[in-house]
Every structure is written in structure tokens, then in C-alpha cells.
Amino acid sequence: MDRAPDITVVIAAHNEERRLGRCLASVRAAAADCQREVEVIVVDNCSTDGTAAVAHAAGARVVVERALGAVKAKEIGRASCRERV
């Protein structure tokens, strides 16, 4: 069984293909600086662009939420964490 991460970052994203790569690179850099295991979850919230592909390419776990809205996307992200929060 995998050890639970020290930190989980949930990013709710709707059509963020152009900006998401920089965001995820920043999260990874911060994680490396603090020397903690970080789980990154991107909630693809009804995107019609390449948001999910960018997230996958950056090593994030992608969860799909088909109901558009930040509250629902954040909730599904929280529920998807490997550690209970």
C-alpha cells in the first residue's frame, strides 16, 4: 500500500490548458524545496480544451467532474485525496 502523501494539492480547472503547465511546475518546485511528498490532483471541470492532457503530462492525477462549478470540483478533489482531510 502506498504511503499517504505529506501534502495534497487540489487544483480545480476549467479550460486551463494554457496556464496549467506553469501552475503545476510551480507546485512541483515548491514541493521539491520543502522536501515533502506531494500528491497533485487536477479536477477537470467540464473542460473542452487540453486541460486533462496537460495535467497528465505533468504527472498529476486527473479526476473528472462533469457538473460545472468550483464548489463541486473542489469537493470531488478533496474526496479523491489518498489521505482523509
Protein backbone atom coordinates (compact mmCIF):
# COMPACT_ATOMS: atom_id res chain seq x y z
CA MET A 1 0.00 0.00 0.00
CA ASP A 2 1.28 3.46 -0.87
CA ARG A 3 2.19 5.76 1.95
CA ALA A 4 -0.14 8.74 2.20
CA PRO A 5 1.41 11.98 0.93
CA ASP A 6 2.57 14.69 3.31
CA ILE A 7 0.69 17.34 1.33
CA THR A 8 -2.15 17.16 -1.19
CA VAL A 9 -2.75 19.98 -3.65
CA VAL A 10 -6.13 20.05 -5.39
CA ILE A 11 -6.45 22.26 -8.46
CA ALA A 12 -9.91 22.78 -9.92
CA ALA A 13 -9.51 23.62 -13.60
CA HIS A 14 -11.91 24.57 -16.37
CA ASN A 15 -10.29 25.18 -19.77
CA GLU A 16 -6.88 25.97 -18.26
CA GLU A 17 -4.72 24.31 -20.93
CA ARG A 18 -2.64 27.45 -21.49
CA ARG A 19 -1.88 28.20 -17.81
CA LEU A 20 -1.97 24.83 -16.08
CA GLY A 21 1.53 23.70 -17.04
CA ARG A 22 3.15 26.70 -15.34
CA CYS A 23 0.95 26.21 -12.28
CA LEU A 24 1.88 22.55 -11.95
CA ALA A 25 5.59 23.30 -12.46
CA SER A 26 5.36 25.83 -9.63
CA VAL A 27 3.69 23.28 -7.34
CA ARG A 28 6.38 20.70 -8.12
CA ALA A 29 9.17 23.23 -7.48
CA ALA A 30 7.65 24.19 -4.12
CA ALA A 31 7.32 20.52 -3.20
CA ALA A 32 10.97 19.90 -4.03
CA ASP A 33 12.01 22.91 -1.95
CA CYS A 34 10.16 21.67 1.14
CA GLN A 35 11.28 18.06 0.59
CA ARG A 36 7.84 16.59 1.17
CA GLU A 37 5.86 14.00 -0.74
CA VAL A 38 3.16 15.92 -2.57
CA GLU A 39 0.09 14.46 -4.25
CA VAL A 40 -1.27 16.70 -7.02
CA ILE A 41 -4.86 16.26 -8.12
CA VAL A 42 -6.30 18.25 -11.01
CA VAL A 43 -10.07 18.24 -11.22
CA ASP A 44 -11.01 18.67 -14.87
CA ASN A 45 -14.27 20.57 -14.56
CA CYS A 46 -16.04 20.25 -17.92
CA SER A 47 -13.04 21.42 -19.95
CA THR A 48 -13.30 21.43 -23.73
CA ASP A 49 -9.58 22.00 -24.31
CA GLY A 50 -6.46 20.00 -23.43
CA THR A 51 -6.55 20.66 -19.68
CA ALA A 52 -6.58 16.97 -18.75
CA ALA A 53 -3.74 16.14 -21.16
CA VAL A 54 -1.55 18.90 -19.71
CA ALA A 55 -2.25 17.65 -16.19
CA HIS A 56 -1.44 14.03 -17.12
CA ALA A 57 1.78 15.11 -18.86
CA ALA A 58 2.87 16.95 -15.71
CA GLY A 59 2.33 13.86 -13.58
CA ALA A 60 -0.84 14.99 -11.83
CA ARG A 61 -3.71 12.66 -11.10
CA VAL A 62 -6.75 13.79 -13.07
CA VAL A 63 -10.27 13.48 -11.73
CA VAL A 64 -13.22 14.46 -13.93
CA GLU A 65 -16.19 16.41 -12.57
CA ARG A 66 -18.96 16.81 -15.11
CA ALA A 67 -21.05 19.31 -13.11
CA LEU A 68 -19.62 22.74 -13.88
CA GLY A 69 -18.78 24.77 -10.80
CA ALA A 70 -15.88 25.43 -8.47
CA VAL A 71 -17.59 24.14 -5.32
CA LYS A 72 -18.40 20.75 -6.84
CA ALA A 73 -14.95 20.47 -8.42
CA LYS A 74 -13.16 21.23 -5.14
CA GLU A 75 -15.34 18.75 -3.26
CA ILE A 76 -14.61 15.90 -5.69
CA GLY A 77 -10.91 16.78 -5.46
CA ARG A 78 -10.96 16.65 -1.67
CA ALA A 79 -12.81 13.35 -1.75
CA SER A 80 -10.16 11.94 -4.13
CA CYS A 81 -7.22 12.56 -1.79
CA ARG A 82 -5.32 9.47 -0.70
CA GLU A 83 -5.38 10.77 2.87
CA ARG A 84 -8.61 11.80 4.58
CA VAL A 85 -8.78 15.56 5.12
